[in-house]
Protein backbone atom coordinates (compact mmCIF):
# COMPACT_ATOMS: atom_id res chain seq x y z
CA UNK A 1 241.04 80.96 124.60
CA UNK A 2 242.71 77.85 124.69
CA UNK A 3 244.23 74.66 123.60
CA UNK A 4 243.38 76.92 125.26
CA UNK A 5 240.82 79.34 125.10
CA UNK A 6 241.42 82.44 123.64
CA UNK A 7 244.94 81.80 123.58
CA UNK A 8 244.41 79.17 121.13
CA UNK A 9 243.28 81.23 118.30
CA UNK A 10 245.63 84.04 117.75
CA UNK A 11 248.46 85.35 115.93
CA UNK A 12 249.26 88.21 114.22
CA UNK A 13 251.15 90.87 114.32
CA UNK A 14 250.69 94.27 113.02
CA UNK A 15 254.80 94.07 113.19
CA UNK A 16 257.23 91.47 112.81
CA UNK A 17 259.24 90.15 115.89
CA UNK A 18 261.82 87.45 116.44
CA UNK A 19 259.44 85.87 118.74
CA UNK A 20 257.69 83.70 116.03
CA UNK A 21 255.73 81.72 118.63
CA UNK A 22 254.21 84.47 120.38
CA UNK A 23 250.28 84.47 120.22
CA UNK A 24 247.54 86.81 120.90
CA UNK A 25 243.94 86.22 121.51
CA UNK A 26 242.58 86.36 118.05
CA UNK A 27 244.03 85.12 114.77
CA UNK A 28 245.22 88.35 113.19
CA UNK A 29 247.01 87.08 110.00
CA UNK A 30 244.14 88.52 107.90
CA UNK A 31 244.17 91.84 109.76
CA UNK A 32 247.91 92.17 109.30
CA UNK A 33 247.70 91.38 105.53
CA UNK A 34 245.04 94.07 105.10
CA UNK A 35 247.08 96.59 107.03
CA UNK A 36 250.18 95.91 104.96
CA UNK A 37 248.31 96.34 101.74
CA UNK A 38 246.57 99.64 102.47
CA UNK A 39 249.35 101.16 104.55
CA UNK A 40 248.98 104.93 104.79
CA UNK A 41 245.09 104.93 104.23
CA UNK A 42 244.10 103.80 107.83
CA UNK A 43 240.80 105.71 107.69
CA UNK A 44 239.69 103.48 104.66
CA UNK A 45 240.99 100.33 106.46
CA UNK A 46 238.93 100.82 109.70
CA UNK A 47 235.67 99.17 108.37
CA UNK A 48 237.57 96.16 107.07
CA UNK A 49 239.59 95.83 110.07
CA UNK A 50 236.58 95.99 112.37
CA UNK A 51 234.66 93.63 110.33
CA UNK A 52 237.74 91.10 110.49
CA UNK A 53 237.99 91.68 114.26
CA UNK A 54 234.30 91.13 115.01
CA UNK A 55 234.07 88.19 113.05
CA UNK A 56 237.13 86.43 114.42
CA UNK A 57 236.11 86.96 117.81
CA UNK A 58 232.70 84.80 117.34
CA UNK A 59 233.92 82.37 114.89
CA UNK A 60 235.55 78.99 116.07
CA UNK A 61 238.88 77.92 114.48
CA UNK A 62 238.75 74.45 113.43
CA UNK A 63 242.52 74.08 113.18
CA UNK A 64 244.58 76.02 115.72
CA UNK A 65 248.03 77.16 114.41
CA UNK A 66 251.12 74.97 115.32
CA UNK A 67 253.28 77.89 115.63
CA UNK A 68 256.15 76.41 117.82
CA UNK A 69 259.44 75.38 116.02
CA UNK A 70 260.40 71.68 116.92
CA UNK A 71 264.01 71.82 116.06
CA UNK A 72 265.23 68.15 117.61
CA UNK A 73 263.83 65.33 119.63
CA UNK A 74 266.65 63.46 121.44
CA UNK A 75 265.68 60.31 123.12
CA UNK A 76 267.71 59.59 126.19
CA UNK A 77 270.04 62.67 125.91
CA UNK A 78 268.98 64.41 129.26
CA UNK A 79 271.28 64.47 132.27
CA UNK A 80 269.39 61.50 133.91
CA UNK A 81 268.66 59.85 130.78
CA UNK A 82 265.28 61.56 129.91
CA UNK A 83 264.20 62.30 126.49
CA UNK A 84 264.47 65.85 125.54
CA UNK A 85 263.21 68.17 122.79
CA UNK A 86 264.64 71.33 121.35
CA UNK A 87 262.00 74.15 120.67
CA UNK A 88 261.90 77.43 119.35
CA UNK A 89 261.94 80.30 121.89
CA UNK A 90 258.52 81.79 122.52
CA UNK A 91 256.94 83.77 125.47
CA UNK A 92 255.09 80.20 126.23
CA UNK A 93 257.82 77.54 125.74
CA UNK A 94 260.26 79.45 128.32
CA UNK A 95 257.89 79.17 131.22
CA UNK A 96 258.48 76.64 133.95
CA UNK A 97 255.97 73.84 134.41
CA UNK A 98 254.36 70.77 132.69
CA UNK A 99 252.44 71.27 129.34
CA UNK A 100 251.65 69.61 126.14
CA UNK A 101 253.07 69.88 122.76
CA UNK A 102 250.37 69.10 119.99
CA UNK A 103 251.68 68.35 116.67
CA UNK A 104 250.93 66.94 113.32
CA UNK A 105 247.58 68.59 113.04
CA UNK A 106 246.51 67.29 116.62
CA UNK A 107 247.40 63.66 115.61
CA UNK A 108 250.55 63.93 117.88
CA UNK A 109 250.63 64.84 121.57
CA UNK A 110 253.63 64.78 124.14
CA UNK A 111 253.84 65.80 127.60
CA UNK A 112 256.66 68.27 128.12
CA UNK A 113 258.19 69.18 131.64
CA UNK A 114 261.20 70.95 132.94
CA UNK A 115 263.47 73.12 131.09
CA UNK A 116 267.02 71.80 130.72
CA UNK A 117 268.80 74.51 128.84
CA UNK A 118 268.62 77.73 126.31
CA UNK A 119 270.49 78.41 123.34
CA UNK A 120 270.25 82.17 122.93
CA UNK A 121 272.27 81.81 119.50
CA UNK A 122 269.75 79.62 118.06
CA UNK A 123 266.84 81.06 119.93
CA UNK A 124 265.86 77.58 121.30
CA UNK A 125 265.05 76.02 124.58
CA UNK A 126 265.54 72.37 125.66
CA UNK A 127 262.82 70.62 127.82
CA UNK A 128 262.12 67.25 129.04
CA UNK A 129 259.92 64.91 127.28
CA UNK A 130 257.89 63.22 129.97
CA UNK A 131 255.92 61.09 127.55
CA UNK A 132 254.92 60.96 123.99
CA UNK A 133 251.24 59.84 124.08
CA UNK A 134 250.61 59.89 120.36
CA UNK A 135 252.35 60.24 117.17
CA UNK A 136 256.19 60.63 116.05
CA UNK A 137 257.81 63.54 117.70
CA UNK A 138 261.07 62.82 115.71
CA UNK A 139 259.13 63.89 112.52
CA UNK A 140 257.54 66.75 113.75
CA UNK A 141 258.51 70.25 112.48
CA UNK A 142 256.22 72.41 114.14
CA UNK A 143 253.64 72.03 117.09
CA UNK A 144 251.20 74.03 119.31
CA UNK A 145 252.09 74.68 123.12
CA UNK A 146 249.05 73.59 125.09
CA UNK A 147 247.84 74.05 128.86
CA UNK A 148 246.43 70.68 129.06
CA UNK A 149 248.83 67.95 130.36
CA UNK A 150 246.80 64.70 129.85
CA UNK A 151 244.71 63.88 126.61
CA UNK A 152 242.39 61.83 128.30
CA UNK A 153 241.17 60.58 131.95
CA UNK A 154 243.01 57.24 130.95
CA UNK A 155 246.45 58.98 130.48
CA UNK A 156 245.77 60.78 133.71
CA UNK A 157 245.37 57.50 135.42
CA UNK A 158 241.63 58.01 136.18
CA UNK A 159 238.79 55.44 136.07
CA UNK A 160 236.00 57.11 133.97
CA UNK A 161 233.09 56.60 132.03
CA UNK A 162 232.07 58.02 128.62
CA UNK A 163 228.59 59.57 129.01
CA UNK A 164 226.14 61.59 126.77
CA UNK A 165 224.33 64.80 127.94
CA UNK A 166 221.09 65.81 126.20
CA UNK A 167 221.56 69.40 124.86
CA UNK A 168 219.91 71.53 122.00
CA UNK A 169 220.25 69.89 118.68
CA UNK A 170 221.65 66.60 120.19
CA UNK A 171 223.95 64.87 122.69
CA UNK A 172 227.08 66.25 124.25
CA UNK A 173 229.79 64.02 125.10
CA UNK A 174 231.47 64.22 128.57
CA UNK A 175 233.60 62.15 130.80
CA UNK A 176 232.43 61.07 134.34
CA UNK A 177 235.06 60.49 136.82
CA UNK A 178 233.84 58.79 140.06
CA UNK A 179 235.51 59.37 143.54
CA UNK A 180 237.82 56.94 144.75
CA UNK A 181 236.71 57.05 148.43
CA UNK A 182 233.44 57.92 150.21
CA UNK A 183 233.52 61.38 151.75
CA UNK A 184 230.55 63.62 152.91
CA UNK A 185 231.09 65.64 149.52
CA UNK A 186 230.11 62.75 147.34
CA UNK A 187 226.88 64.21 146.40
CA UNK A 188 228.34 67.42 145.16
CA UNK A 189 229.79 67.21 141.56
CA UNK A 190 232.48 69.27 140.21
CA UNK A 191 231.71 70.34 136.49
CA UNK A 192 234.55 71.60 134.39
CA UNK A 193 233.83 74.30 131.89
CA UNK A 194 236.59 74.58 129.27
CA UNK A 195 237.65 77.79 127.51
CA UNK A 196 237.28 79.10 124.10
CA UNK A 197 239.11 77.01 121.35
CA UNK A 198 239.75 74.10 124.09
CA UNK A 199 238.19 70.91 124.92
CA UNK A 200 237.11 68.88 127.94
CA UNK A 201 240.63 67.64 128.52
CA UNK A 202 241.47 71.04 129.89
CA UNK A 203 239.50 70.42 133.17
CA UNK A 204 241.71 67.22 133.91
CA UNK A 205 243.85 69.50 135.89
CA UNK A 206 241.13 69.84 138.44
CA UNK A 207 240.54 66.15 138.96
CA UNK A 208 243.10 65.85 141.50
CA UNK A 209 241.35 68.33 143.84
CA UNK A 210 237.97 66.48 142.97
CA UNK A 211 239.39 63.17 143.85
CA UNK A 212 241.00 64.43 147.16
CA UNK A 213 237.55 66.01 148.02
CA UNK A 214 235.71 62.86 147.11
CA UNK A 215 233.73 64.63 144.66
CA UNK A 216 232.50 63.10 141.30
CA UNK A 217 233.69 65.03 138.22
CA UNK A 218 231.89 65.76 135.23
CA UNK A 219 234.13 67.16 132.22
CA UNK A 220 231.54 68.32 129.79
CA UNK A 221 231.79 69.59 126.06
CA UNK A 222 229.46 72.39 124.83
CA UNK A 223 228.35 73.94 121.61
CA UNK A 224 230.81 74.88 118.75
CA UNK A 225 233.78 73.00 120.67
CA UNK A 226 234.13 70.29 117.93
CA UNK A 227 232.63 67.65 120.05
CA UNK A 228 229.09 68.81 121.12
CA UNK A 229 226.35 69.79 118.48
CA UNK A 230 227.27 73.12 117.00
CA UNK A 231 225.02 76.04 117.59
CA UNK A 232 222.75 76.88 114.59
CA UNK A 233 224.61 79.88 113.49
CA UNK A 234 228.08 78.17 114.15
CA UNK A 235 229.25 81.16 116.22
CA UNK A 236 230.27 81.80 119.87
CA UNK A 237 227.90 83.62 122.11
CA UNK A 238 230.87 84.60 124.48
CA UNK A 239 228.83 82.99 127.33
CA UNK A 240 225.44 84.41 126.33
CA UNK A 241 224.45 81.48 124.43
CA UNK A 242 226.47 78.53 125.79
CA UNK A 243 225.15 78.49 129.35
CA UNK A 244 222.24 76.22 128.54
CA UNK A 245 224.74 73.52 127.83
CA UNK A 246 226.18 73.78 131.33
CA UNK A 247 222.45 73.98 132.74
CA UNK A 248 222.08 70.58 130.88
CA UNK A 249 225.11 69.24 132.57
CA UNK A 250 223.79 70.32 135.88
CA UNK A 251 220.40 68.42 135.29
CA UNK A 252 222.31 65.47 134.29
CA UNK A 253 224.30 65.39 137.55
CA UNK A 254 221.13 66.02 139.48
CA UNK A 255 219.40 63.05 137.73
CA UNK A 256 222.05 60.76 138.42
CA UNK A 257 222.83 61.32 142.09
CA UNK A 258 224.14 64.81 142.72
CA UNK A 259 222.37 67.22 145.10
CA UNK A 260 224.42 70.11 144.21
CA UNK A 261 227.41 71.16 141.99
CA UNK A 262 230.65 73.34 141.80
CA UNK A 263 231.39 74.90 138.45
CA UNK A 264 234.99 75.15 137.57
CA UNK A 265 235.28 77.37 134.49
CA UNK A 266 238.38 78.11 132.34
CA UNK A 267 238.59 81.43 130.69
CA UNK A 268 235.57 81.79 128.25
CA UNK A 269 234.41 78.89 130.44
CA UNK A 270 234.27 81.33 133.24
CA UNK A 271 232.03 83.67 131.54
CA UNK A 272 229.61 80.78 130.65
CA UNK A 273 229.63 79.70 134.33
CA UNK A 274 228.84 83.08 135.41
CA UNK A 275 225.83 83.39 132.75
CA UNK A 276 224.70 79.85 134.23
CA UNK A 277 224.23 80.96 137.76
CA UNK A 278 222.62 84.09 136.85
CA UNK A 279 220.09 82.93 134.17
CA UNK A 280 219.56 79.15 134.70
CA UNK A 281 216.53 77.95 136.89
CA UNK A 282 218.99 75.37 138.33
CA UNK A 283 221.29 78.00 139.84
CA UNK A 284 220.21 77.09 143.22
CA UNK A 285 221.88 73.88 142.83
CA UNK A 286 225.35 75.49 142.20
CA UNK A 287 227.38 75.78 145.60
CA UNK A 288 229.88 77.89 144.15
CA UNK A 289 232.37 78.69 141.17
CA UNK A 290 236.13 78.09 140.66
CA UNK A 291 237.34 80.41 137.78
CA UNK A 292 240.59 79.98 136.21
CA UNK A 293 241.80 83.00 134.14
CA UNK A 294 238.16 83.97 133.71
CA UNK A 295 236.76 86.51 131.26
CA UNK A 296 235.03 88.69 133.78
CA UNK A 297 234.45 91.60 131.28
CA UNK A 298 234.60 90.79 127.71
CA UNK A 299 234.62 94.57 126.90
CA UNK A 300 238.10 94.60 128.71
CA UNK A 301 239.18 91.60 126.94
CA UNK A 302 238.53 92.99 123.45
CA UNK A 303 239.74 96.45 124.27
CA UNK A 304 243.12 94.81 125.46
CA UNK A 305 243.25 92.56 122.17
CA UNK A 306 242.74 95.40 119.96
CA UNK A 307 245.46 97.39 121.85
CA UNK A 308 248.07 95.04 121.94
CA UNK A 309 247.58 94.22 118.27
CA UNK A 310 248.04 97.68 117.32
CA UNK A 311 244.36 97.93 115.96
CA UNK A 312 243.31 101.58 115.49
CA UNK A 313 240.89 102.50 118.06
CA UNK A 314 237.96 103.41 115.97
CA UNK A 315 238.33 99.89 114.37
CA UNK A 316 238.15 98.06 117.67
CA UNK A 317 235.15 100.23 118.72
CA UNK A 318 233.50 99.51 115.58
CA UNK A 319 234.20 95.71 115.80
CA UNK A 320 232.68 95.79 119.30
CA UNK A 321 229.58 97.51 117.87
CA UNK A 322 229.14 94.93 115.10
CA UNK A 323 229.16 92.23 117.86
CA UNK A 324 226.52 94.10 119.76
CA UNK A 325 224.25 95.29 116.82
CA UNK A 326 221.73 93.66 114.98
CA UNK A 327 223.39 95.57 111.88
CA UNK A 328 226.42 93.50 112.36
CA UNK A 329 224.84 90.06 111.88
CA UNK A 330 225.62 89.77 108.38
CA UNK A 331 229.16 90.49 109.00
CA UNK A 332 229.72 88.35 112.27
CA UNK A 333 227.27 85.79 111.24
CA UNK A 334 225.68 85.72 114.68
CA UNK A 335 222.07 84.83 114.85
CA UNK A 336 221.50 87.05 117.84
CA UNK A 337 223.74 89.87 118.78
CA UNK A 338 225.82 89.71 121.88
CA UNK A 339 225.20 92.00 124.69
CA UNK A 340 228.57 92.73 125.89
CA UNK A 341 227.64 94.96 128.85
CA UNK A 342 225.64 91.73 130.26
CA UNK A 343 228.96 89.97 130.17
CA UNK A 344 230.54 92.48 132.34
CA UNK A 345 230.73 91.31 135.94
CA UNK A 346 232.42 94.28 137.36
CA UNK A 347 229.81 96.43 136.63
CA UNK A 348 227.32 93.92 137.54
CA UNK A 349 228.93 93.00 140.82
CA UNK A 350 225.85 93.45 142.84
CA UNK A 351 224.16 90.69 140.65
CA UNK A 352 226.69 87.95 141.77
CA UNK A 353 225.01 85.63 144.58
CA UNK A 354 227.32 82.71 144.68
CA UNK A 355 230.66 82.27 146.30
CA UNK A 356 233.66 82.57 143.61
CA UNK A 357 237.13 81.64 143.76
CA UNK A 358 239.25 83.31 141.11
CA UNK A 359 242.88 81.91 140.30
CA UNK A 360 244.41 84.37 137.88
CA UNK A 361 247.99 85.12 136.70
CA UNK A 362 249.68 88.68 136.95
CA UNK A 363 251.33 87.57 133.67
CA UNK A 364 248.25 86.34 131.80
CA UNK A 365 248.77 88.17 128.51
CA UNK A 366 245.59 87.08 126.79
CA UNK A 367 242.93 88.01 129.56
CA UNK A 368 244.21 90.64 131.82
CA UNK A 369 243.96 90.10 135.68
CA UNK A 370 242.53 93.61 136.06
CA UNK A 371 238.68 92.80 136.07
CA UNK A 372 239.26 89.75 138.38
CA UNK A 373 240.97 92.14 140.88
CA UNK A 374 238.25 94.82 140.53
CA UNK A 375 235.53 92.17 141.10
CA UNK A 376 237.17 90.67 144.20
CA UNK A 377 237.36 94.46 145.39
CA UNK A 378 233.80 95.31 144.57
CA UNK A 379 232.21 92.06 146.20
CA UNK A 380 234.69 90.97 148.81
CA UNK A 381 231.68 88.86 150.65
CA UNK A 382 231.60 86.50 147.98
CA UNK A 383 234.88 86.92 145.71
CA UNK A 384 238.26 85.58 146.67
CA UNK A 385 241.28 86.04 144.43
CA UNK A 386 244.44 84.08 144.33
CA UNK A 387 246.94 85.75 142.31
CA UNK A 388 250.03 83.97 140.54
CA UNK A 389 252.97 85.01 138.68
CA UNK A 390 254.79 83.74 135.64
CA UNK A 391 251.95 81.58 134.42
CA UNK A 392 250.13 82.37 130.94
CA UNK A 393 246.56 82.17 130.23
CA UNK A 394 244.89 79.50 132.21
CA UNK A 395 248.20 77.82 133.14
CA UNK A 396 248.23 78.60 136.86
CA UNK A 397 248.20 75.01 137.70
CA UNK A 398 251.04 74.24 135.17
CA UNK A 399 253.28 76.64 136.75
CA UNK A 400 252.58 75.78 140.48
CA UNK A 401 250.10 72.63 140.89
CA UNK A 402 250.84 72.49 144.73
CA UNK A 403 249.85 76.28 145.49
CA UNK A 404 246.85 75.99 143.18
CA UNK A 405 245.44 72.74 144.56
CA UNK A 406 246.09 73.92 148.10
CA UNK A 407 244.15 77.19 147.49
CA UNK A 408 241.26 75.43 145.87
CA UNK A 409 241.04 72.60 148.54
CA UNK A 410 241.10 75.09 151.11
CA UNK A 411 238.27 77.17 149.65
CA UNK A 412 236.14 74.04 148.84
CA UNK A 413 236.35 72.80 152.40
CA UNK A 414 235.32 76.16 153.55
CA UNK A 415 232.50 76.26 151.11
CA UNK A 416 231.15 72.77 151.50
CA UNK A 417 231.27 72.95 155.25
CA UNK A 418 229.33 76.33 155.19
CA UNK A 419 225.48 76.05 155.87
CA UNK A 420 223.25 77.39 153.02
CA UNK A 421 222.20 80.11 155.46
CA UNK A 422 225.79 81.45 155.71
CA UNK A 423 226.78 80.83 152.17
CA UNK A 424 226.19 84.32 151.08
CA UNK A 425 228.68 85.71 153.66
CA UNK A 426 231.29 83.23 152.72
CA UNK A 427 234.36 85.46 152.38
CA UNK A 428 237.62 82.90 152.53
CA UNK A 429 240.90 84.54 151.52
CA UNK A 430 240.24 87.98 150.07
CA UNK A 431 243.23 88.13 147.90
CA UNK A 432 246.55 86.48 148.20
CA UNK A 433 249.82 87.01 146.60
């Protein structure tokens, strides 16, 4: 999911639409080809579709698709002299807020801002170009819409250090961002955990909050993200195998002055963070979790993705079985099957021991808000849910940064001022529109 988590690796339609830039959670072009080739023989297609489904879910995608048309770049053409870019209309490019446009296979990056106009005849939207960080946008024909806003801490205006965290099979690069002022919270670090298909710059949207709280920030990489060492099987464990890398980051923080940490997880990074506090021996040092568009229940996400991509129900069910079963390893490539039920925190709500703030959009079309809402209802003592509208997957900050930051700051102030004896009864705002 990602630039941006699951959202980063999908695209497929079982049917053609005018929205060429629409994404799904899994890259489905292979499934679409298979389906078209054997139309009318759905029963025979089920094992093939299930195999592609299962393998795609757990396999990192090295080159995310650049599926947004870049029609024209017009420097200085805006109403206030801003640079403008005309893009193909998708369900991503028409949403208000600030985003990144990645082009030329990741070599080019531009920060895109407000919407200026629409051309419905040409199916394009014109938006302000706030800054071109790398590359020649005028020469770009296609790009990828991403939720991160700054490529690195330097472009976001932060003083930072490149650090290396010892993990299985090597060293994982991370950014350490020190606080700019001394506060009572300087011994609690914020560790950001990016989503599936994303990188550590996803967490830069949380750093304004960390700075205002006086908390050091540690933006980490983890296995199979293209920066940290790969897992031996080069497959995602959907949180079940990635959590030791977050544990290693907690240990790094403790060895470098932290007395506690707050985990901030995006999408699959939320699933990784939840596994960390459940399985790590260092969980007692985690004060709480901030989860943005999190995967609370992988079974729900996979059912949703199968449904919206019109995958036959038996194929979706078989695909999930392949991920969970030792018999599926030759197809998925997983060294160890993934127990999807252990990643269902709605059913396991009683196992949650840490305060959690969830920020999730009603319009998240990759990871539906339903399980987040269910978890908040089932464990209101520990889980607070802030609902957003309009934002796509993990882009709640992009659409409304003021509301996002206000909600997190309020929750963090309450969390960090609450004694350890009272922390298990921390409630905060239950749910908010």
